[in-house]
Amino acid sequence: MTPLVWSLFGLTVTLDVFGQTAFKLGLDRIGDGPAGLDFWRGVATSPWVLAGLGGYCVEAVSWMYVIGHSPLSVVGPMAALSYVGAVLTGRLFLGETPRPRRWLAAGLVTLGAGLVGASLG
């Protein structure tokens, strides 16, 4: 894979984690109270939710380039790195406290993605 493809791959993982985190921040601010149309109005007007949607749009375009220029059997499994990012951002930005088993699972995902990526050679 070329440096451009690697860069765009990193961008897709980063934007996936950003999108998930932005959605969570936006939905937390809406809260559990609204239902039905009020809930969807809150979603449609949340700056965080809209930022997450924007991130996903850029991610989709970047991902199309990545899978168009590299083996899907390599980059597909490596995209699981976003799971690790979600655990990290949950801890760092959302105040979540992942248990040791979740950290272990995130580490195994990272190891697996690394092994898949190493198969390029």
C-alpha atoms as a PDB file:
ATOM      1  CA  MET A   1       0.000   0.000   0.000  1.00  0.00           C
ATOM      2  CA  THR A   2       1.238   3.475  -0.798  1.00  0.00           C
ATOM      3  CA  PRO A   3       1.785   6.182   1.827  1.00  0.00           C
ATOM      4  CA  LEU A   4      -1.385   7.917   0.584  1.00  0.00           C
ATOM      5  CA  VAL A   5      -3.463   4.775   1.099  1.00  0.00           C
ATOM      6  CA  TRP A   6      -1.982   4.260   4.589  1.00  0.00           C
ATOM      7  CA  SER A   7      -2.728   7.897   5.444  1.00  0.00           C
ATOM      8  CA  LEU A   8      -6.289   7.637   4.228  1.00  0.00           C
ATOM      9  CA  PHE A   9      -6.705   4.354   6.083  1.00  0.00           C
ATOM     10  CA  GLY A  10      -5.595   6.085   9.296  1.00  0.00           C
ATOM     11  CA  LEU A  11      -8.006   8.902   8.541  1.00  0.00           C
ATOM     12  CA  THR A  12     -10.910   6.456   8.129  1.00  0.00           C
ATOM     13  CA  VAL A  13     -10.200   4.821  11.487  1.00  0.00           C
ATOM     14  CA  THR A  14      -9.849   8.219  13.165  1.00  0.00           C
ATOM     15  CA  LEU A  15     -13.053   9.549  11.603  1.00  0.00           C
ATOM     16  CA  ASP A  16     -14.963   6.395  12.552  1.00  0.00           C
ATOM     17  CA  VAL A  17     -13.981   6.854  16.187  1.00  0.00           C
ATOM     18  CA  PHE A  18     -14.717  10.586  15.972  1.00  0.00           C
ATOM     19  CA  GLY A  19     -18.173   9.887  14.524  1.00  0.00           C
ATOM     20  CA  GLN A  20     -19.054   7.419  17.260  1.00  0.00           C
ATOM     21  CA  THR A  21     -17.783   9.750  19.974  1.00  0.00           C
ATOM     22  CA  ALA A  22     -19.564  12.771  18.509  1.00  0.00           C
ATOM     23  CA  PHE A  23     -22.840  10.833  18.298  1.00  0.00           C
ATOM     24  CA  LYS A  24     -22.474   9.767  21.929  1.00  0.00           C
ATOM     25  CA  LEU A  25     -21.742  13.334  23.067  1.00  0.00           C
ATOM     26  CA  GLY A  26     -24.708  14.674  21.114  1.00  0.00           C
ATOM     27  CA  LEU A  27     -27.121  12.009  22.317  1.00  0.00           C
ATOM     28  CA  ASP A  28     -25.980  12.406  25.926  1.00  0.00           C
ATOM     29  CA  ARG A  29     -26.858  16.098  25.692  1.00  0.00           C
ATOM     30  CA  ILE A  30     -30.327  15.254  24.365  1.00  0.00           C
ATOM     31  CA  GLY A  31     -30.844  12.948  27.329  1.00  0.00           C
ATOM     32  CA  ASP A  32     -33.414  10.257  28.019  1.00  0.00           C
ATOM     33  CA  GLY A  33     -36.395  12.596  28.269  1.00  0.00           C
ATOM     34  CA  PRO A  34     -37.465  13.368  24.731  1.00  0.00           C
ATOM     35  CA  ALA A  35     -39.283  10.742  22.721  1.00  0.00           C
ATOM     36  CA  GLY A  36     -40.732  10.497  19.246  1.00  0.00           C
ATOM     37  CA  LEU A  37     -40.505  13.660  17.203  1.00  0.00           C
ATOM     38  CA  ASP A  38     -38.842  15.631  20.018  1.00  0.00           C
ATOM     39  CA  PHE A  39     -36.014  13.099  20.129  1.00  0.00           C
ATOM     40  CA  TRP A  40     -35.437  13.287  16.363  1.00  0.00           C
ATOM     41  CA  ARG A  41     -35.627  17.083  16.448  1.00  0.00           C
ATOM     42  CA  GLY A  42     -32.886  17.023  19.078  1.00  0.00           C
ATOM     43  CA  VAL A  43     -30.816  14.677  16.924  1.00  0.00           C
ATOM     44  CA  ALA A  44     -31.264  16.839  13.814  1.00  0.00           C
ATOM     45  CA  THR A  45     -30.220  20.015  15.618  1.00  0.00           C
ATOM     46  CA  SER A  46     -27.357  18.649  17.722  1.00  0.00           C
ATOM     47  CA  PRO A  47     -24.001  20.138  16.675  1.00  0.00           C
ATOM     48  CA  TRP A  48     -22.227  16.989  17.874  1.00  0.00           C
ATOM     49  CA  VAL A  49     -24.488  14.661  15.899  1.00  0.00           C
ATOM     50  CA  LEU A  50     -24.097  16.817  12.791  1.00  0.00           C
ATOM     51  CA  ALA A  51     -20.308  16.826  13.247  1.00  0.00           C
ATOM     52  CA  GLY A  52     -20.379  13.033  13.532  1.00  0.00           C
ATOM     53  CA  LEU A  53     -22.391  12.779  10.313  1.00  0.00           C
ATOM     54  CA  GLY A  54     -19.901  15.058   8.566  1.00  0.00           C
ATOM     55  CA  GLY A  55     -17.039  12.902   9.792  1.00  0.00           C
ATOM     56  CA  TYR A  56     -18.762   9.785   8.488  1.00  0.00           C
ATOM     57  CA  CYS A  57     -19.245  11.410   5.068  1.00  0.00           C
ATOM     58  CA  VAL A  58     -15.517  12.172   4.764  1.00  0.00           C
ATOM     59  CA  GLU A  59     -14.727   8.706   6.096  1.00  0.00           C
ATOM     60  CA  ALA A  60     -16.906   7.064   3.432  1.00  0.00           C
ATOM     61  CA  VAL A  61     -15.108   8.877   0.616  1.00  0.00           C
ATOM     62  CA  SER A  62     -11.702   8.067   2.093  1.00  0.00           C
ATOM     63  CA  TRP A  63     -12.673   4.437   2.628  1.00  0.00           C
ATOM     64  CA  MET A  64     -13.715   4.089  -1.016  1.00  0.00           C
ATOM     65  CA  TYR A  65     -10.248   5.205  -2.078  1.00  0.00           C
ATOM     66  CA  VAL A  66      -8.596   2.820   0.382  1.00  0.00           C
ATOM     67  CA  ILE A  67     -10.550  -0.251  -0.708  1.00  0.00           C
ATOM     68  CA  GLY A  68     -10.098   0.730  -4.342  1.00  0.00           C
ATOM     69  CA  HIS A  69      -6.308   0.676  -3.931  1.00  0.00           C
ATOM     70  CA  SER A  70      -5.659  -2.180  -1.500  1.00  0.00           C
ATOM     71  CA  PRO A  71      -6.844  -5.704  -0.735  1.00  0.00           C
ATOM     72  CA  LEU A  72     -10.135  -5.704   1.159  1.00  0.00           C
ATOM     73  CA  SER A  73      -9.006  -8.871   2.951  1.00  0.00           C
ATOM     74  CA  VAL A  74      -6.279  -6.747   4.560  1.00  0.00           C
ATOM     75  CA  VAL A  75      -7.842  -3.340   5.209  1.00  0.00           C
ATOM     76  CA  GLY A  76     -11.275  -4.719   6.148  1.00  0.00           C
ATOM     77  CA  PRO A  77     -10.061  -6.567   9.236  1.00  0.00           C
ATOM     78  CA  MET A  78      -7.615  -3.759  10.067  1.00  0.00           C
ATOM     79  CA  ALA A  79     -10.545  -1.337  10.250  1.00  0.00           C
ATOM     80  CA  ALA A  80     -11.329  -3.058  13.546  1.00  0.00           C
ATOM     81  CA  LEU A  81      -8.789  -0.646  15.046  1.00  0.00           C
ATOM     82  CA  SER A  82     -11.752   1.687  15.459  1.00  0.00           C
ATOM     83  CA  TYR A  83     -12.909  -0.614  18.284  1.00  0.00           C
ATOM     84  CA  VAL A  84      -9.714   0.170  20.163  1.00  0.00           C
ATOM     85  CA  GLY A  85     -10.215   3.867  19.481  1.00  0.00           C
ATOM     86  CA  ALA A  86     -13.751   3.691  20.854  1.00  0.00           C
ATOM     87  CA  VAL A  87     -12.517   2.180  24.120  1.00  0.00           C
ATOM     88  CA  LEU A  88      -9.815   4.853  24.396  1.00  0.00           C
ATOM     89  CA  THR A  89     -12.122   7.787  23.667  1.00  0.00           C
ATOM     90  CA  GLY A  90     -14.722   6.357  26.016  1.00  0.00           C
ATOM     91  CA  ARG A  91     -12.100   6.455  28.749  1.00  0.00           C
ATOM     92  CA  LEU A  92     -10.407   9.740  27.845  1.00  0.00           C
ATOM     93  CA  PHE A  93     -13.341  11.915  26.762  1.00  0.00           C
ATOM     94  CA  LEU A  94     -16.522  10.323  28.106  1.00  0.00           C
ATOM     95  CA  GLY A  95     -15.381   9.350  31.594  1.00  0.00           C
ATOM     96  CA  GLU A  96     -16.105   5.663  31.069  1.00  0.00           C
ATOM     97  CA  THR A  97     -14.170   3.119  33.101  1.00  0.00           C
ATOM     98  CA  PRO A  98     -13.528   0.037  30.984  1.00  0.00           C
ATOM     99  CA  ARG A  99     -12.868  -3.120  32.951  1.00  0.00           C
ATOM    100  CA  PRO A 100      -9.605  -5.035  32.430  1.00  0.00           C
ATOM    101  CA  ARG A 101     -11.329  -7.578  30.176  1.00  0.00           C
ATOM    102  CA  ARG A 102     -12.316  -4.787  27.765  1.00  0.00           C
ATOM    103  CA  TRP A 103      -8.725  -3.501  27.669  1.00  0.00           C
ATOM    104  CA  LEU A 104      -7.521  -7.039  27.003  1.00  0.00           C
ATOM    105  CA  ALA A 105     -10.029  -7.423  24.177  1.00  0.00           C
ATOM    106  CA  ALA A 106      -8.946  -4.081  22.684  1.00  0.00           C
ATOM    107  CA  GLY A 107      -5.332  -5.221  22.861  1.00  0.00           C
ATOM    108  CA  LEU A 108      -6.167  -8.482  21.097  1.00  0.00           C
ATOM    109  CA  VAL A 109      -7.987  -6.558  18.350  1.00  0.00           C
ATOM    110  CA  THR A 110      -4.890  -4.382  17.924  1.00  0.00           C
ATOM    111  CA  LEU A 111      -2.663  -7.453  17.766  1.00  0.00           C
ATOM    112  CA  GLY A 112      -4.944  -9.094  15.212  1.00  0.00           C
ATOM    113  CA  ALA A 113      -5.067  -5.955  13.046  1.00  0.00           C
ATOM    114  CA  GLY A 114      -1.278  -5.748  13.215  1.00  0.00           C
ATOM    115  CA  LEU A 115      -0.922  -9.358  12.103  1.00  0.00           C
ATOM    116  CA  VAL A 116      -3.291  -8.778   9.188  1.00  0.00           C
ATOM    117  CA  GLY A 117      -1.380  -5.621   8.209  1.00  0.00           C
ATOM    118  CA  ALA A 118       1.938  -7.461   8.452  1.00  0.00           C
ATOM    119  CA  SER A 119       0.673  -9.944   5.872  1.00  0.00           C
ATOM    120  CA  LEU A 120       1.126  -7.291   3.167  1.00  0.00           C
ATOM    121  CA  GLY A 121       4.803  -8.137   2.809  1.00  0.00           C
END
